[in-house]
């Protein structure tokens, strides 16, 4: 699974270089690059983030990727995530979300970064509200439709019509784009993740560094150790803890197969 994800990363990296798109490694991928110069041995995904202007351009570039891959951008017809995913179509990946089994292919995640306000707590609260509604629209309303209570079932039906995932993602995106990425001092993930942990100065990305990841050189935030401390906690600067994060118990429970 790691090798397939690495191949996807290589193809994505080639596309970004060709089209002059910015991207950066994030989360466990960044931690792995720092500690192991590659995957954390028990980690099972690759997380990337892109500035919103580059992320929006990416949506129309799937045709330039290999035929065995699919760049899946949320759309009105299919809106299951708040992010773009690059899949390997030769594989089957079975995962569970909220007790629901989902069958896709091996993928890497590509998340959009937006500008963060310097002093606008209401902005974050509104985003959190719509993010919660989005995830409820995927899972919770479906289960509530099976409630023995007629009022609960009726409410779930009304909510699932009024708050469709696509409508909510459009609303989330429009709010997140209020503060333009290239005009803000602070940037980071907004429509997914914990905004306080994801907020950092844009100069760390504008002046990015390149780290070794499985014999590739990939872009990472300058001061990446400080960024990881903010995300995982201050003990990240104690070397004996490097190899314990993310915790083994937190890894995903996946089943992965080749189609043939």
Protein backbone atom coordinates (compact mmCIF):
# COMPACT_ATOMS: atom_id res chain seq x y z
CA UNK A 1 0.00 0.00 0.00
CA UNK A 2 2.84 2.38 0.83
CA UNK A 3 4.53 1.64 -2.52
CA UNK A 4 1.32 2.34 -4.45
CA UNK A 5 0.85 5.61 -2.55
CA UNK A 6 4.46 6.54 -3.24
CA UNK A 7 3.91 5.95 -6.97
CA UNK A 8 0.84 8.22 -6.81
CA UNK A 9 2.92 10.89 -5.06
CA UNK A 10 5.58 10.70 -7.77
CA UNK A 11 2.98 11.21 -10.50
CA UNK A 12 1.38 14.06 -8.58
CA UNK A 13 4.77 15.68 -8.02
CA UNK A 14 5.56 15.51 -11.76
CA UNK A 15 2.23 17.15 -12.58
CA UNK A 16 2.77 19.94 -10.06
CA UNK A 17 6.24 20.66 -11.44
CA UNK A 18 4.92 20.69 -14.98
CA UNK A 19 2.05 23.06 -14.13
CA UNK A 20 4.00 25.11 -11.57
CA UNK A 21 1.60 24.23 -8.74
CA UNK A 22 2.50 24.59 -5.07
CA UNK A 23 1.99 21.73 -2.63
CA UNK A 24 3.45 20.61 0.71
CA UNK A 25 3.58 17.43 2.74
CA UNK A 26 1.59 17.48 5.98
CA UNK A 27 0.71 15.55 9.15
CA UNK A 28 2.17 12.05 9.46
CA UNK A 29 3.81 12.38 6.03
CA UNK A 30 5.77 15.41 7.24
CA UNK A 31 6.63 13.68 10.51
CA UNK A 32 7.80 10.61 8.58
CA UNK A 33 10.04 12.72 6.35
CA UNK A 34 11.64 14.30 9.43
CA UNK A 35 12.08 11.09 11.44
CA UNK A 36 12.53 8.37 8.81
CA UNK A 37 13.12 10.20 5.52
CA UNK A 38 10.03 8.35 4.34
CA UNK A 39 6.94 6.61 5.67
CA UNK A 40 6.47 6.06 9.36
CA UNK A 41 6.69 2.22 9.26
CA UNK A 42 3.14 1.72 10.55
CA UNK A 43 1.57 4.69 8.75
CA UNK A 44 -0.75 4.00 5.85
CA UNK A 45 -1.52 7.26 4.06
CA UNK A 46 -0.04 10.34 2.43
CA UNK A 47 -1.38 13.79 3.27
CA UNK A 48 -0.70 16.78 1.04
CA UNK A 49 -1.94 20.34 1.19
CA UNK A 50 -2.20 22.98 -1.52
CA UNK A 51 -2.86 26.73 -1.48
CA UNK A 52 -6.43 27.34 -2.64
CA UNK A 53 -5.45 28.98 -5.99
CA UNK A 54 -3.33 25.94 -6.94
CA UNK A 55 -5.92 23.51 -5.58
CA UNK A 56 -8.60 25.05 -7.80
CA UNK A 57 -6.36 24.77 -10.87
CA UNK A 58 -5.67 21.12 -10.09
CA UNK A 59 -9.33 20.17 -10.65
CA UNK A 60 -9.00 20.45 -14.45
CA UNK A 61 -5.67 18.62 -14.80
CA UNK A 62 -6.65 15.00 -14.21
CA UNK A 63 -6.23 14.16 -17.91
CA UNK A 64 -2.48 14.71 -17.59
CA UNK A 65 -2.12 11.94 -15.02
CA UNK A 66 -1.58 8.24 -15.94
CA UNK A 67 -4.62 6.32 -17.17
CA UNK A 68 -4.57 3.93 -14.22
CA UNK A 69 -5.24 6.84 -11.85
CA UNK A 70 -8.28 9.01 -11.15
CA UNK A 71 -8.24 12.51 -9.72
CA UNK A 72 -11.55 12.72 -7.88
CA UNK A 73 -12.71 16.24 -7.04
CA UNK A 74 -15.95 16.66 -5.04
CA UNK A 75 -18.87 17.40 -7.33
CA UNK A 76 -22.65 17.67 -7.26
CA UNK A 77 -22.88 14.10 -8.55
CA UNK A 78 -20.41 12.67 -6.02
CA UNK A 79 -19.57 14.54 -2.85
CA UNK A 80 -18.23 12.25 -0.12
CA UNK A 81 -15.21 14.25 1.06
CA UNK A 82 -14.15 17.85 1.62
CA UNK A 83 -10.91 17.22 -0.28
CA UNK A 84 -9.56 15.91 -3.58
CA UNK A 85 -8.20 12.37 -3.77
CA UNK A 86 -5.89 10.73 -6.28
CA UNK A 87 -6.79 7.04 -6.67
CA UNK A 88 -5.00 4.06 -8.17
CA UNK A 89 -7.74 2.34 -10.20
CA UNK A 90 -5.95 -1.01 -10.19
CA UNK A 91 -6.60 -1.47 -6.49
CA UNK A 92 -9.47 -2.08 -4.09
CA UNK A 93 -9.38 -0.49 -0.65
CA UNK A 94 -12.04 -1.33 1.93
CA UNK A 95 -12.40 1.09 4.85
CA UNK A 96 -15.04 1.87 7.43
CA UNK A 97 -16.45 5.30 8.31
CA UNK A 98 -18.91 5.53 11.20
CA UNK A 99 -19.69 1.83 10.81
CA UNK A 100 -20.33 2.15 7.04
CA UNK A 101 -18.09 0.03 4.81
CA UNK A 102 -16.74 1.90 1.79
CA UNK A 103 -14.94 0.34 -1.17
CA UNK A 104 -12.62 2.58 -3.21
CA UNK A 105 -8.99 2.28 -4.28
CA UNK A 106 -5.66 3.18 -2.70
CA UNK A 107 -5.37 6.97 -2.65
CA UNK A 108 -3.53 10.03 -1.43
CA UNK A 109 -5.33 13.02 0.10
CA UNK A 110 -4.96 16.56 -1.27
CA UNK A 111 -6.42 19.23 1.00
CA UNK A 112 -6.96 22.94 0.25
CA UNK A 113 -5.40 25.68 2.37
CA UNK A 114 -7.02 29.08 2.77
CA UNK A 115 -6.18 32.39 4.37
CA UNK A 116 -6.83 32.68 8.10
CA UNK A 117 -8.10 35.92 9.62
CA UNK A 118 -5.91 37.58 12.21
CA UNK A 119 -8.87 38.32 14.50
CA UNK A 120 -12.22 36.87 13.48
CA UNK A 121 -13.42 34.08 15.79
CA UNK A 122 -16.89 34.18 14.22
CA UNK A 123 -15.34 33.04 10.93
CA UNK A 124 -14.08 29.85 12.59
CA UNK A 125 -17.33 29.18 14.44
CA UNK A 126 -19.36 29.40 11.23
CA UNK A 127 -16.93 27.05 9.46
CA UNK A 128 -17.16 24.55 12.32
CA UNK A 129 -20.96 24.66 12.14
CA UNK A 130 -21.04 23.85 8.43
CA UNK A 131 -18.31 21.25 8.72
CA UNK A 132 -20.39 19.45 11.36
CA UNK A 133 -23.48 19.65 9.13
CA UNK A 134 -21.47 18.27 6.20
CA UNK A 135 -20.34 15.15 8.07
CA UNK A 136 -23.82 14.66 9.55
CA UNK A 137 -25.25 14.79 6.02
CA UNK A 138 -22.99 11.88 5.02
CA UNK A 139 -23.69 9.54 7.90
CA UNK A 140 -25.92 10.71 10.74
CA UNK A 141 -29.06 11.61 8.78
CA UNK A 142 -29.05 8.20 7.10
CA UNK A 143 -29.09 6.39 10.42
CA UNK A 144 -31.75 8.72 11.86
CA UNK A 145 -34.08 7.76 9.00
CA UNK A 146 -34.27 4.31 10.62
CA UNK A 147 -35.32 5.68 14.02
CA UNK A 148 -38.50 4.27 15.60
CA UNK A 149 -39.60 7.86 16.20
CA UNK A 150 -41.69 9.34 13.37
CA UNK A 151 -40.60 12.89 14.28
CA UNK A 152 -36.93 11.88 14.17
CA UNK A 153 -37.37 10.12 10.80
CA UNK A 154 -39.22 13.11 9.37
CA UNK A 155 -36.58 15.54 10.65
CA UNK A 156 -33.82 13.41 9.13
CA UNK A 157 -35.58 13.38 5.75
CA UNK A 158 -36.03 17.18 5.79
CA UNK A 159 -32.43 17.78 6.84
CA UNK A 160 -31.06 15.40 4.19
CA UNK A 161 -32.97 17.34 1.50
CA UNK A 162 -32.11 20.82 2.77
CA UNK A 163 -28.52 20.03 3.73
CA UNK A 164 -27.07 17.91 0.94
CA UNK A 165 -23.29 17.29 1.09
CA UNK A 166 -22.70 19.26 -2.10
CA UNK A 167 -24.66 22.32 -0.92
CA UNK A 168 -22.81 22.27 2.38
CA UNK A 169 -19.39 21.89 0.77
CA UNK A 170 -20.14 24.83 -1.54
CA UNK A 171 -21.10 26.89 1.51
CA UNK A 172 -17.97 25.78 3.39
CA UNK A 173 -15.78 26.68 0.42
CA UNK A 174 -17.32 30.11 -0.07
CA UNK A 175 -16.75 30.93 3.61
CA UNK A 176 -13.20 29.55 3.61
CA UNK A 177 -12.29 31.64 0.55
CA UNK A 178 -13.34 34.89 2.23
CA UNK A 179 -9.73 35.55 3.23
CA UNK A 180 -7.52 35.14 0.15
CA UNK A 181 -4.57 32.82 0.63
CA UNK A 182 -1.92 35.01 -1.03
CA UNK A 183 -3.05 38.13 0.84
CA UNK A 184 -3.00 36.73 4.38
CA UNK A 185 -0.22 36.59 6.94
CA UNK A 186 -1.65 33.34 8.34
CA UNK A 187 -2.80 30.35 6.30
CA UNK A 188 -3.71 26.70 6.79
CA UNK A 189 -6.44 24.10 6.52
CA UNK A 190 -9.91 25.43 7.31
CA UNK A 191 -12.67 23.18 6.01
CA UNK A 192 -11.04 20.08 7.49
CA UNK A 193 -8.89 19.58 10.57
CA UNK A 194 -8.43 21.68 13.70
CA UNK A 195 -7.99 25.29 12.62
CA UNK A 196 -5.96 26.35 15.70
CA UNK A 197 -3.41 23.61 15.06
CA UNK A 198 -3.41 24.27 11.31
CA UNK A 199 -2.83 28.03 11.47
CA UNK A 200 0.70 29.24 10.73
CA UNK A 201 2.52 32.03 8.94
CA UNK A 202 2.43 31.93 5.14
CA UNK A 203 6.15 32.78 4.99
CA UNK A 204 6.85 29.22 6.22
CA UNK A 205 5.43 27.96 2.94
CA UNK A 206 6.61 30.75 0.67
CA UNK A 207 10.12 29.91 1.90
CA UNK A 208 9.60 26.15 1.87
CA UNK A 209 12.35 23.58 2.29
CA UNK A 210 12.76 20.18 0.62
CA UNK A 211 12.94 17.00 2.67
CA UNK A 212 13.84 13.48 1.64
CA UNK A 213 10.88 11.11 1.44
CA UNK A 214 11.60 7.60 0.15
CA UNK A 215 14.40 8.94 -2.08
CA UNK A 216 12.25 11.83 -3.33
CA UNK A 217 12.69 15.47 -2.43
CA UNK A 218 9.33 16.92 -1.42
CA UNK A 219 8.33 20.45 -0.32
CA UNK A 220 7.68 21.08 3.36
CA UNK A 221 7.08 24.20 5.47
CA UNK A 222 10.14 26.03 6.68
CA UNK A 223 10.38 25.63 10.46
CA UNK A 224 8.62 22.28 9.98
CA UNK A 225 9.64 21.06 13.43
CA UNK A 226 7.87 24.03 15.00
CA UNK A 227 4.85 23.24 12.79
CA UNK A 228 4.84 19.63 14.03
CA UNK A 229 5.12 20.77 17.65
CA UNK A 230 2.02 22.87 17.13
CA UNK A 231 0.19 19.91 15.62
CA UNK A 232 1.31 17.00 17.80
CA UNK A 233 2.41 18.77 21.00
CA UNK A 234 5.59 20.25 22.45
CA UNK A 235 7.12 16.83 23.24
CA UNK A 236 7.87 16.48 19.52
CA UNK A 237 11.18 18.24 20.22
CA UNK A 238 12.29 15.42 22.50
CA UNK A 239 14.02 12.96 20.23
CA UNK A 240 13.00 9.86 22.18
CA UNK A 241 9.35 10.61 21.32
CA UNK A 242 9.85 11.03 17.57
CA UNK A 243 9.37 7.36 16.81
CA UNK A 244 6.16 7.04 18.84
CA UNK A 245 4.02 9.44 16.78
CA UNK A 246 1.46 9.05 15.35
CA UNK A 247 0.58 6.27 17.76
CA UNK A 248 0.42 2.76 16.31
CA UNK A 249 -3.10 2.37 17.75
CA UNK A 250 -4.33 5.31 15.64
CA UNK A 251 -3.58 3.75 12.25
CA UNK A 252 -6.44 3.00 9.89
CA UNK A 253 -8.07 -0.41 9.60
CA UNK A 254 -7.90 -1.05 5.85
CA UNK A 255 -8.08 -4.06 3.60
CA UNK A 256 -6.26 -3.62 0.29
CA UNK A 257 -6.25 -5.81 -2.83
CA UNK A 258 -5.21 -5.76 -6.44
CA UNK A 259 -8.21 -5.99 -8.76
CA UNK A 260 -6.50 -8.73 -10.75
